[in-house]
C-alpha atoms as a PDB file:
ATOM      1  CA  MET A   1     121.252 139.969 119.309  1.00  0.00           C
ATOM      2  CA  ASP A   2     121.643 141.897 115.736  1.00  0.00           C
ATOM      3  CA  PRO A   3     118.503 142.330 114.684  1.00  0.00           C
ATOM      4  CA  GLN A   4     119.712 141.906 111.034  1.00  0.00           C
ATOM      5  CA  LEU A   5     121.197 138.201 112.085  1.00  0.00           C
ATOM      6  CA  ILE A   6     117.731 137.140 113.380  1.00  0.00           C
ATOM      7  CA  GLU A   7     116.162 138.414 110.265  1.00  0.00           C
ATOM      8  CA  LEU A   8     118.813 136.385 108.446  1.00  0.00           C
ATOM      9  CA  GLU A   9     118.411 133.218 109.854  1.00  0.00           C
ATOM     10  CA  ASN A  10     114.653 133.625 109.783  1.00  0.00           C
ATOM     11  CA  ALA A  11     114.791 134.137 106.040  1.00  0.00           C
ATOM     12  CA  ILE A  12     116.659 130.443 105.749  1.00  0.00           C
ATOM     13  CA  GLU A  13     113.687 129.226 107.656  1.00  0.00           C
ATOM     14  CA  GLU A  14     110.873 130.559 105.510  1.00  0.00           C
ATOM     15  CA  ALA A  15     112.820 129.452 102.311  1.00  0.00           C
ATOM     16  CA  GLU A  16     113.444 125.961 103.886  1.00  0.00           C
ATOM     17  CA  ILE A  17     109.641 125.514 104.722  1.00  0.00           C
ATOM     18  CA  ALA A  18     108.674 127.263 101.364  1.00  0.00           C
ATOM     19  CA  LYS A  19     111.187 124.234  99.902  1.00  0.00           C
ATOM     20  CA  ARG A  20     109.780 121.255 102.177  1.00  0.00           C
ATOM     21  CA  ALA A  21     106.156 122.297 101.260  1.00  0.00           C
ATOM     22  CA  PHE A  22     107.023 122.388  97.567  1.00  0.00           C
ATOM     23  CA  VAL A  23     108.744 118.936  97.981  1.00  0.00           C
ATOM     24  CA  LYS A  24     105.774 117.347  99.854  1.00  0.00           C
ATOM     25  CA  GLU A  25     103.359 118.146  97.404  1.00  0.00           C
ATOM     26  CA  ASN A  26     105.849 116.989  94.476  1.00  0.00           C
ATOM     27  CA  PRO A  27     107.387 114.047  95.790  1.00  0.00           C
ATOM     28  CA  ASN A  28     110.165 112.291  93.373  1.00  0.00           C
ATOM     29  CA  GLY A  29     110.855 115.188  91.225  1.00  0.00           C
ATOM     30  CA  ALA A  30     107.491 115.699  89.633  1.00  0.00           C
ATOM     31  CA  GLY A  31     106.165 119.221  89.594  1.00  0.00           C
ATOM     32  CA  ASP A  32     107.393 122.130  87.840  1.00  0.00           C
ATOM     33  CA  LYS A  33     111.770 122.134  87.609  1.00  0.00           C
ATOM     34  CA  ASN A  34     112.067 125.670  87.391  1.00  0.00           C
ATOM     35  CA  GLU A  35     110.329 126.522  90.466  1.00  0.00           C
ATOM     36  CA  ARG A  36     112.347 123.354  92.470  1.00  0.00           C
ATOM     37  CA  MET A  37     115.255 124.785  91.562  1.00  0.00           C
ATOM     38  CA  ARG A  38     113.769 128.779  92.641  1.00  0.00           C
ATOM     39  CA  LEU A  39     113.045 127.440  96.334  1.00  0.00           C
ATOM     40  CA  TYR A  40     116.616 125.278  96.262  1.00  0.00           C
ATOM     41  CA  THR A  41     118.737 128.687  95.112  1.00  0.00           C
ATOM     42  CA  ASN A  42     116.379 130.528  97.430  1.00  0.00           C
ATOM     43  CA  VAL A  43     117.661 128.580 100.772  1.00  0.00           C
ATOM     44  CA  GLU A  44     121.261 128.227  99.462  1.00  0.00           C
ATOM     45  CA  MET A  45     121.407 132.365  98.423  1.00  0.00           C
ATOM     46  CA  SER A  46     119.752 132.972 102.093  1.00  0.00           C
ATOM     47  CA  ARG A  47     122.636 130.565 103.618  1.00  0.00           C
ATOM     48  CA  LYS A  48     125.436 132.112 101.912  1.00  0.00           C
ATOM     49  CA  ALA A  49     124.137 135.696 102.810  1.00  0.00           C
ATOM     50  CA  LEU A  50     124.125 134.643 106.673  1.00  0.00           C
ATOM     51  CA  ARG A  51     127.779 133.199 106.088  1.00  0.00           C
ATOM     52  CA  GLU A  52     128.676 136.571 104.602  1.00  0.00           C
ATOM     53  CA  TYR A  53     127.251 138.544 107.331  1.00  0.00           C
ATOM     54  CA  LYS A  54     128.947 136.772 109.992  1.00  0.00           C
ATOM     55  CA  LYS A  55     132.149 137.202 107.991  1.00  0.00           C
ATOM     56  CA  LEU A  56     132.442 140.222 108.072  1.00  0.00           C
ATOM     57  CA  ASN A  57     130.809 140.626 111.642  1.00  0.00           C
ATOM     58  CA  PRO A  58     132.787 138.193 113.716  1.00  0.00           C
ATOM     59  CA  HIS A  59     132.616 140.681 116.784  1.00  0.00           C
ATOM     60  CA  LEU A  60     129.210 139.942 116.779  1.00  0.00           C
ATOM     61  CA  LEU A  61     128.809 136.281 117.499  1.00  0.00           C
END
């Protein structure tokens, strides 16, 4: 398997773990809103990077 593909998938997992930990510590929208938005944006950017990589490298899938 392609190392960059694995790296992108791992980045998504790590971003989701960080987001879940923050949400668990700050339920119902509590906590720093900027940090919450940064974590959610990080997850979305990681997913976008993986989609772009797959689109540019369909031969690897």
